Amino acid sequence: MRRRERESVAAAGTALLVLLAGCTAEPAPTTPAAATTTGATGRRCPATGLSTGPITSQVVVVTTAPTSAAAGSVLPVTTEIVVLSDGPAIVARPQWSALEVLGRGAVVARAVGTAGTDVPTPITRGTTVPARTVPTQVTLTGCDGTPLPPGAYRLRALVGYVLDGPGSPTGGYVIASESVDLTIA
């Protein structure tokens, strides 16, 4: 295995471990950094990496949600994968997928996909497919369980995946959507 491939696999593995850790992990030294919370539990949201893997230049993940919501409420979210060019088929993994609320450059709230059936997803140019492994809602509370304070935030989706097919490299990857504006009242 070439050095570049080893580094890519190592980075993907680190990103997956952070995703799988839930809201109880210490922050990893990646951007955005986890924010310290002041709730009774003192739990912090983990930091997560940015897009990794072989199809990041072939797809765009699009997140749609209301632009404002009340603190502590449940925000409905729709996530789709827009395919720009043909690529290798992937298998999306729900337990590696998530919605994240970002505030002041840090992950302040998240909803992680549940363990469930992997979703084979063809990467065929010109198609738009629902990102069925990403949660469809996020509760606007911090990882410590307290409602997020009013203010300006950003929302993004993460689609966790592996390549499909015989001879595919082992390890997993994450595709992040562009973040969208969210105002919490």
C-alpha atoms as a PDB file:
ATOM      1  CA  MET A   1       0.000   0.000   0.000  1.00  0.00           C
ATOM      2  CA  ARG A   2       1.403   3.387  -0.977  1.00  0.00           C
ATOM      3  CA  ARG A   3       2.011   6.067   1.635  1.00  0.00           C
ATOM      4  CA  ARG A   4      -0.763   8.316   0.304  1.00  0.00           C
ATOM      5  CA  GLU A   5      -3.286   5.445   0.488  1.00  0.00           C
ATOM      6  CA  ARG A   6      -2.205   4.637   4.067  1.00  0.00           C
ATOM      7  CA  GLU A   7      -2.635   8.299   5.078  1.00  0.00           C
ATOM      8  CA  SER A   8      -6.074   8.421   3.425  1.00  0.00           C
ATOM      9  CA  VAL A   9      -7.195   5.225   5.159  1.00  0.00           C
ATOM     10  CA  ALA A  10      -5.838   6.469   8.495  1.00  0.00           C
ATOM     11  CA  ALA A  11      -7.643   9.818   8.149  1.00  0.00           C
ATOM     12  CA  ALA A  12     -10.888   8.085   7.209  1.00  0.00           C
ATOM     13  CA  GLY A  13     -10.560   5.710  10.152  1.00  0.00           C
ATOM     14  CA  THR A  14     -10.046   8.626  12.537  1.00  0.00           C
ATOM     15  CA  ALA A  15     -13.105  10.429  11.130  1.00  0.00           C
ATOM     16  CA  LEU A  16     -15.202   7.279  11.518  1.00  0.00           C
ATOM     17  CA  LEU A  17     -14.107   6.722  15.096  1.00  0.00           C
ATOM     18  CA  VAL A  18     -15.113  10.284  15.940  1.00  0.00           C
ATOM     19  CA  LEU A  19     -18.494   9.833  14.236  1.00  0.00           C
ATOM     20  CA  LEU A  20     -19.144   6.575  16.051  1.00  0.00           C
ATOM     21  CA  ALA A  21     -18.175   8.041  19.414  1.00  0.00           C
ATOM     22  CA  GLY A  22     -21.414  10.015  19.840  1.00  0.00           C
ATOM     23  CA  CYS A  23     -21.636  13.000  22.158  1.00  0.00           C
ATOM     24  CA  THR A  24     -19.469  11.639  24.944  1.00  0.00           C
ATOM     25  CA  ALA A  25     -16.052  11.669  23.309  1.00  0.00           C
ATOM     26  CA  GLU A  26     -13.266  14.126  23.921  1.00  0.00           C
ATOM     27  CA  PRO A  27     -12.560  16.323  20.916  1.00  0.00           C
ATOM     28  CA  ALA A  28     -10.131  15.163  18.267  1.00  0.00           C
ATOM     29  CA  PRO A  29      -7.504  17.600  16.988  1.00  0.00           C
ATOM     30  CA  THR A  30      -9.450  18.391  13.782  1.00  0.00           C
ATOM     31  CA  THR A  31     -11.528  21.314  12.581  1.00  0.00           C
ATOM     32  CA  PRO A  32     -14.009  22.348  13.798  1.00  0.00           C
ATOM     33  CA  ALA A  33     -12.945  21.928  17.412  1.00  0.00           C
ATOM     34  CA  ALA A  34     -15.500  20.726  19.943  1.00  0.00           C
ATOM     35  CA  ALA A  35     -17.115  23.370  22.076  1.00  0.00           C
ATOM     36  CA  THR A  36     -17.092  23.130  25.846  1.00  0.00           C
ATOM     37  CA  THR A  37     -20.602  22.928  27.207  1.00  0.00           C
ATOM     38  CA  THR A  38     -21.725  24.183  30.584  1.00  0.00           C
ATOM     39  CA  GLY A  39     -24.636  21.843  31.273  1.00  0.00           C
ATOM     40  CA  ALA A  40     -24.972  19.576  34.256  1.00  0.00           C
ATOM     41  CA  THR A  41     -23.422  16.598  32.487  1.00  0.00           C
ATOM     42  CA  GLY A  42     -20.418  18.498  31.124  1.00  0.00           C
ATOM     43  CA  ARG A  43     -20.525  16.348  27.964  1.00  0.00           C
ATOM     44  CA  ARG A  44     -18.936  17.712  24.816  1.00  0.00           C
ATOM     45  CA  CYS A  45     -19.730  17.158  21.162  1.00  0.00           C
ATOM     46  CA  PRO A  46     -16.900  15.501  19.275  1.00  0.00           C
ATOM     47  CA  ALA A  47     -15.126  17.315  16.501  1.00  0.00           C
ATOM     48  CA  THR A  48     -15.500  15.797  13.052  1.00  0.00           C
ATOM     49  CA  GLY A  49     -13.423  15.866   9.922  1.00  0.00           C
ATOM     50  CA  LEU A  50     -14.310  17.239   6.547  1.00  0.00           C
ATOM     51  CA  SER A  51     -15.070  15.238   3.403  1.00  0.00           C
ATOM     52  CA  THR A  52     -12.767  12.312   2.686  1.00  0.00           C
ATOM     53  CA  GLY A  53     -12.658   9.564   0.129  1.00  0.00           C
ATOM     54  CA  PRO A  54     -12.612   8.873  -3.570  1.00  0.00           C
ATOM     55  CA  ILE A  55     -16.015  10.327  -4.561  1.00  0.00           C
ATOM     56  CA  THR A  56     -15.812  13.757  -2.901  1.00  0.00           C
ATOM     57  CA  SER A  57     -15.232  15.479  -6.259  1.00  0.00           C
ATOM     58  CA  GLN A  58     -18.052  13.546  -7.941  1.00  0.00           C
ATOM     59  CA  VAL A  59     -20.963  14.367  -5.637  1.00  0.00           C
ATOM     60  CA  VAL A  60     -22.438  17.241  -3.678  1.00  0.00           C
ATOM     61  CA  VAL A  61     -24.437  16.617  -0.512  1.00  0.00           C
ATOM     62  CA  VAL A  62     -27.306  19.108  -0.188  1.00  0.00           C
ATOM     63  CA  THR A  63     -29.071  19.810   3.113  1.00  0.00           C
ATOM     64  CA  THR A  64     -32.430  21.594   3.282  1.00  0.00           C
ATOM     65  CA  ALA A  65     -34.046  22.771   6.541  1.00  0.00           C
ATOM     66  CA  PRO A  66     -36.045  25.690   7.929  1.00  0.00           C
ATOM     67  CA  THR A  67     -33.794  28.707   8.473  1.00  0.00           C
ATOM     68  CA  SER A  68     -35.051  29.398  11.994  1.00  0.00           C
ATOM     69  CA  ALA A  69     -36.321  27.392  14.952  1.00  0.00           C
ATOM     70  CA  ALA A  70     -36.830  27.634  18.701  1.00  0.00           C
ATOM     71  CA  ALA A  71     -34.146  26.483  21.124  1.00  0.00           C
ATOM     72  CA  GLY A  72     -34.750  22.895  22.212  1.00  0.00           C
ATOM     73  CA  SER A  73     -37.130  22.176  19.309  1.00  0.00           C
ATOM     74  CA  VAL A  74     -36.860  19.415  16.739  1.00  0.00           C
ATOM     75  CA  LEU A  75     -35.700  20.652  13.320  1.00  0.00           C
ATOM     76  CA  PRO A  76     -36.786  18.623  10.251  1.00  0.00           C
ATOM     77  CA  VAL A  77     -34.019  18.162   7.675  1.00  0.00           C
ATOM     78  CA  THR A  78     -33.839  16.737   4.149  1.00  0.00           C
ATOM     79  CA  THR A  79     -30.508  15.555   2.728  1.00  0.00           C
ATOM     80  CA  GLU A  80     -29.817  14.548  -0.872  1.00  0.00           C
ATOM     81  CA  ILE A  81     -26.787  13.436  -2.864  1.00  0.00           C
ATOM     82  CA  VAL A  82     -26.413  15.194  -6.234  1.00  0.00           C
ATOM     83  CA  VAL A  83     -24.131  13.238  -8.571  1.00  0.00           C
ATOM     84  CA  LEU A  84     -21.929  15.402 -10.805  1.00  0.00           C
ATOM     85  CA  SER A  85     -20.026  12.624 -12.595  1.00  0.00           C
ATOM     86  CA  ASP A  86     -20.006   8.846 -12.710  1.00  0.00           C
ATOM     87  CA  GLY A  87     -18.131   7.161  -9.924  1.00  0.00           C
ATOM     88  CA  PRO A  88     -17.780   3.857  -8.112  1.00  0.00           C
ATOM     89  CA  ALA A  89     -20.883   2.546  -6.365  1.00  0.00           C
ATOM     90  CA  ILE A  90     -20.910   3.153  -2.627  1.00  0.00           C
ATOM     91  CA  VAL A  91     -22.643   1.636   0.367  1.00  0.00           C
ATOM     92  CA  ALA A  92     -23.930   4.380   2.677  1.00  0.00           C
ATOM     93  CA  ARG A  93     -23.765   3.499   6.376  1.00  0.00           C
ATOM     94  CA  PRO A  94     -26.419   4.920   8.728  1.00  0.00           C
ATOM     95  CA  GLN A  95     -24.307   4.596  11.882  1.00  0.00           C
ATOM     96  CA  TRP A  96     -21.561   6.696  10.223  1.00  0.00           C
ATOM     97  CA  SER A  97     -23.970   9.418   9.049  1.00  0.00           C
ATOM     98  CA  ALA A  98     -25.063  12.439  11.077  1.00  0.00           C
ATOM     99  CA  LEU A  99     -26.528  15.942  11.226  1.00  0.00           C
ATOM    100  CA  GLU A 100     -24.440  18.574  13.000  1.00  0.00           C
ATOM    101  CA  VAL A 101     -25.192  22.048  14.293  1.00  0.00           C
ATOM    102  CA  LEU A 102     -22.121  24.296  14.286  1.00  0.00           C
ATOM    103  CA  GLY A 103     -21.722  27.383  16.460  1.00  0.00           C
ATOM    104  CA  ARG A 104     -18.645  29.585  16.743  1.00  0.00           C
ATOM    105  CA  GLY A 105     -16.688  27.114  14.603  1.00  0.00           C
ATOM    106  CA  ALA A 106     -17.502  24.124  16.814  1.00  0.00           C
ATOM    107  CA  VAL A 107     -19.922  21.207  16.757  1.00  0.00           C
ATOM    108  CA  VAL A 108     -22.533  22.113  19.392  1.00  0.00           C
ATOM    109  CA  ALA A 109     -25.304  19.567  18.650  1.00  0.00           C
ATOM    110  CA  ARG A 110     -25.667  16.414  16.595  1.00  0.00           C
ATOM    111  CA  ALA A 111     -28.007  13.642  15.587  1.00  0.00           C
ATOM    112  CA  VAL A 112     -26.247  10.403  14.647  1.00  0.00           C
ATOM    113  CA  GLY A 113     -27.729   7.802  12.342  1.00  0.00           C
ATOM    114  CA  THR A 114     -28.870   4.620  14.011  1.00  0.00           C
ATOM    115  CA  ALA A 115     -27.501   1.186  13.377  1.00  0.00           C
ATOM    116  CA  GLY A 116     -29.459  -0.217  10.509  1.00  0.00           C
ATOM    117  CA  THR A 117     -29.326  -1.547   7.008  1.00  0.00           C
ATOM    118  CA  ASP A 118     -26.563  -0.252   4.769  1.00  0.00           C
ATOM    119  CA  VAL A 119     -27.854   1.430   1.597  1.00  0.00           C
ATOM    120  CA  PRO A 120     -26.207   0.597  -1.748  1.00  0.00           C
ATOM    121  CA  THR A 121     -26.014   3.869  -3.694  1.00  0.00           C
ATOM    122  CA  PRO A 122     -25.012   4.048  -7.366  1.00  0.00           C
ATOM    123  CA  ILE A 123     -23.011   7.140  -8.342  1.00  0.00           C
ATOM    124  CA  THR A 124     -24.522   7.883 -11.759  1.00  0.00           C
ATOM    125  CA  ARG A 125     -24.050  11.295 -13.373  1.00  0.00           C
ATOM    126  CA  GLY A 126     -27.101  13.543 -13.403  1.00  0.00           C
ATOM    127  CA  THR A 127     -28.998  11.766 -10.639  1.00  0.00           C
ATOM    128  CA  THR A 128     -30.157  13.067  -7.289  1.00  0.00           C
ATOM    129  CA  VAL A 129     -30.728  10.453  -4.613  1.00  0.00           C
ATOM    130  CA  PRO A 130     -32.047  10.847  -1.078  1.00  0.00           C
ATOM    131  CA  ALA A 131     -29.371  10.385   1.572  1.00  0.00           C
ATOM    132  CA  ARG A 132     -31.464   7.830   3.429  1.00  0.00           C
ATOM    133  CA  THR A 133     -28.793   7.080   6.026  1.00  0.00           C
ATOM    134  CA  VAL A 134     -28.700  10.657   7.373  1.00  0.00           C
ATOM    135  CA  PRO A 135     -31.133  11.429  10.222  1.00  0.00           C
ATOM    136  CA  THR A 136     -34.232  13.396   9.144  1.00  0.00           C
ATOM    137  CA  GLN A 137     -34.266  15.623  12.218  1.00  0.00           C
ATOM    138  CA  VAL A 138     -32.014  17.117  14.869  1.00  0.00           C
ATOM    139  CA  THR A 139     -33.003  18.314  18.335  1.00  0.00           C
ATOM    140  CA  LEU A 140     -31.638  21.792  19.015  1.00  0.00           C
ATOM    141  CA  THR A 141     -30.041  20.921  22.336  1.00  0.00           C
ATOM    142  CA  GLY A 142     -26.352  20.691  23.066  1.00  0.00           C
ATOM    143  CA  CYS A 143     -24.637  17.383  23.664  1.00  0.00           C
ATOM    144  CA  ASP A 144     -25.087  18.096  27.365  1.00  0.00           C
ATOM    145  CA  GLY A 145     -28.891  18.112  26.878  1.00  0.00           C
ATOM    146  CA  THR A 146     -29.503  21.832  27.462  1.00  0.00           C
ATOM    147  CA  PRO A 147     -31.269  23.941  24.796  1.00  0.00           C
ATOM    148  CA  LEU A 148     -28.886  25.814  22.522  1.00  0.00           C
ATOM    149  CA  PRO A 149     -28.787  29.544  23.289  1.00  0.00           C
ATOM    150  CA  PRO A 150     -30.393  31.914  20.773  1.00  0.00           C
ATOM    151  CA  GLY A 151     -28.110  33.014  17.956  1.00  0.00           C
ATOM    152  CA  ALA A 152     -26.717  32.259  14.519  1.00  0.00           C
ATOM    153  CA  TYR A 153     -25.655  28.694  13.751  1.00  0.00           C
ATOM    154  CA  ARG A 154     -24.856  26.496  10.731  1.00  0.00           C
ATOM    155  CA  LEU A 155     -26.279  23.050   9.924  1.00  0.00           C
ATOM    156  CA  ARG A 156     -24.560  20.319   7.900  1.00  0.00           C
ATOM    157  CA  ALA A 157     -25.031  16.659   7.067  1.00  0.00           C
ATOM    158  CA  LEU A 158     -22.426  13.900   7.006  1.00  0.00           C
ATOM    159  CA  VAL A 159     -22.877  10.809   4.823  1.00  0.00           C
ATOM    160  CA  GLY A 160     -20.701   7.893   5.914  1.00  0.00           C
ATOM    161  CA  TYR A 161     -19.849   5.328   3.247  1.00  0.00           C
ATOM    162  CA  VAL A 162     -17.611   2.562   1.963  1.00  0.00           C
ATOM    163  CA  LEU A 163     -16.874   1.650  -1.647  1.00  0.00           C
ATOM    164  CA  ASP A 164     -18.966  -1.194  -3.052  1.00  0.00           C
ATOM    165  CA  GLY A 165     -17.710  -4.096  -5.079  1.00  0.00           C
ATOM    166  CA  PRO A 166     -15.021  -6.762  -5.086  1.00  0.00           C
ATOM    167  CA  GLY A 167     -11.511  -5.480  -4.620  1.00  0.00           C
ATOM    168  CA  SER A 168     -12.687  -2.227  -3.021  1.00  0.00           C
ATOM    169  CA  PRO A 169     -10.340  -0.784  -0.409  1.00  0.00           C
ATOM    170  CA  THR A 170     -11.259  -1.393   3.191  1.00  0.00           C
ATOM    171  CA  GLY A 171     -12.021   1.517   5.455  1.00  0.00           C
ATOM    172  CA  GLY A 172     -14.696   4.138   5.369  1.00  0.00           C
ATOM    173  CA  TYR A 173     -15.183   7.728   4.316  1.00  0.00           C
ATOM    174  CA  VAL A 174     -17.399  10.730   5.018  1.00  0.00           C
ATOM    175  CA  ILE A 175     -18.943  13.280   2.650  1.00  0.00           C
ATOM    176  CA  ALA A 176     -19.998  16.541   4.313  1.00  0.00           C
ATOM    177  CA  SER A 177     -22.629  18.884   2.932  1.00  0.00           C
ATOM    178  CA  GLU A 178     -22.048  22.604   2.667  1.00  0.00           C
ATOM    179  CA  SER A 179     -23.412  24.113   5.862  1.00  0.00           C
ATOM    180  CA  VAL A 180     -26.636  26.141   5.754  1.00  0.00           C
ATOM    181  CA  ASP A 181     -27.713  29.063   7.923  1.00  0.00           C
ATOM    182  CA  LEU A 182     -29.825  28.410  11.009  1.00  0.00           C
ATOM    183  CA  THR A 183     -31.110  30.985  13.481  1.00  0.00           C
ATOM    184  CA  ILE A 184     -32.173  29.731  16.897  1.00  0.00           C
ATOM    185  CA  ALA A 185     -34.626  31.978  18.715  1.00  0.00           C
END
